[in-house]
């Protein structure tokens, strides 16, 4: 199964795409782990996602960074405003 990731607003420009599907594995147990993995692949994106104003939604519900992930989840990173 995969994780479906959305980068909304300017985060899409930083990521180079608005949507990304990646394979789910057990090392991606939380959204914070996913953020760290994305930052390993794209340093600018990692810096952008670490900004305190960035919000995250899991399956269309705003959540905290320590929220657990499951196969098939949709994660959206967004900037308020």
Protein backbone atom coordinates (compact mmCIF):
# COMPACT_ATOMS: atom_id res chain seq x y z
CA UNK A 1 0.00 0.00 0.00
CA UNK A 2 0.99 3.61 -0.31
CA UNK A 3 0.75 6.93 1.45
CA UNK A 4 -0.83 9.75 -0.53
CA UNK A 5 0.88 13.06 0.15
CA UNK A 6 -0.44 16.49 -0.85
CA UNK A 7 1.63 19.68 -0.80
CA UNK A 8 -0.72 22.65 -0.80
CA UNK A 9 0.08 26.24 -1.74
CA UNK A 10 3.73 27.22 -1.93
CA UNK A 11 4.78 23.87 -0.47
CA UNK A 12 3.89 22.32 -3.83
CA UNK A 13 6.42 24.58 -5.50
CA UNK A 14 9.07 23.64 -2.96
CA UNK A 15 8.30 19.93 -3.32
CA UNK A 16 8.25 20.16 -7.11
CA UNK A 17 4.79 18.55 -7.21
CA UNK A 18 1.39 18.88 -5.60
CA UNK A 19 0.87 15.16 -5.06
CA UNK A 20 3.25 12.33 -4.25
CA UNK A 21 2.51 8.67 -3.59
CA UNK A 22 5.16 6.75 -1.68
CA UNK A 23 5.24 3.16 -0.43
CA UNK A 24 4.22 2.76 3.18
CA UNK A 25 6.69 1.02 5.44
CA UNK A 26 6.96 0.61 9.20
CA UNK A 27 9.67 3.27 9.52
CA UNK A 28 7.01 5.85 8.63
CA UNK A 29 5.03 5.31 11.80
CA UNK A 30 4.18 8.99 12.38
CA UNK A 31 3.78 12.15 10.35
CA UNK A 32 6.97 13.48 11.95
CA UNK A 33 8.85 10.45 10.58
CA UNK A 34 7.36 11.11 7.15
CA UNK A 35 8.44 14.76 7.35
CA UNK A 36 11.98 13.66 8.20
CA UNK A 37 12.05 11.19 5.28
CA UNK A 38 10.83 13.83 2.84
CA UNK A 39 13.56 16.16 4.12
CA UNK A 40 16.22 13.54 3.43
CA UNK A 41 15.18 13.45 -0.22
CA UNK A 42 14.72 17.23 -0.60
CA UNK A 43 16.58 19.50 1.82
CA UNK A 44 14.59 22.61 0.86
CA UNK A 45 11.33 20.77 1.43
CA UNK A 46 12.62 19.50 4.77
CA UNK A 47 13.37 23.06 5.86
CA UNK A 48 9.97 24.29 4.67
CA UNK A 49 8.08 21.52 6.49
CA UNK A 50 10.00 22.26 9.70
CA UNK A 51 8.66 25.83 9.81
CA UNK A 52 6.34 26.26 12.82
CA UNK A 53 3.45 27.66 10.77
CA UNK A 54 3.14 24.51 8.62
CA UNK A 55 0.02 22.52 9.42
CA UNK A 56 -0.74 18.91 8.59
CA UNK A 57 -3.97 17.08 7.87
CA UNK A 58 -4.50 13.33 7.99
CA UNK A 59 -7.42 12.09 5.94
CA UNK A 60 -8.79 15.65 5.80
CA UNK A 61 -8.57 16.27 9.58
CA UNK A 62 -6.00 18.62 11.11
CA UNK A 63 -3.72 16.63 13.40
CA UNK A 64 -0.47 16.87 15.36
CA UNK A 65 2.89 15.75 13.98
CA UNK A 66 3.01 12.72 16.27
CA UNK A 67 -0.15 11.22 14.76
CA UNK A 68 0.27 7.60 13.63
CA UNK A 69 0.14 6.64 9.96
CA UNK A 70 -1.48 3.64 8.32
CA UNK A 71 -1.42 2.24 4.81
CA UNK A 72 -3.55 4.25 2.41
CA UNK A 73 -3.59 7.44 4.50
CA UNK A 74 -3.72 10.84 2.83
CA UNK A 75 -1.40 13.42 4.36
CA UNK A 76 -1.69 17.08 3.38
CA UNK A 77 0.92 19.69 4.29
CA UNK A 78 -0.36 23.27 4.20
CA UNK A 79 0.44 26.81 5.20
CA UNK A 80 -2.35 28.83 6.80
CA UNK A 81 -3.23 32.09 5.29
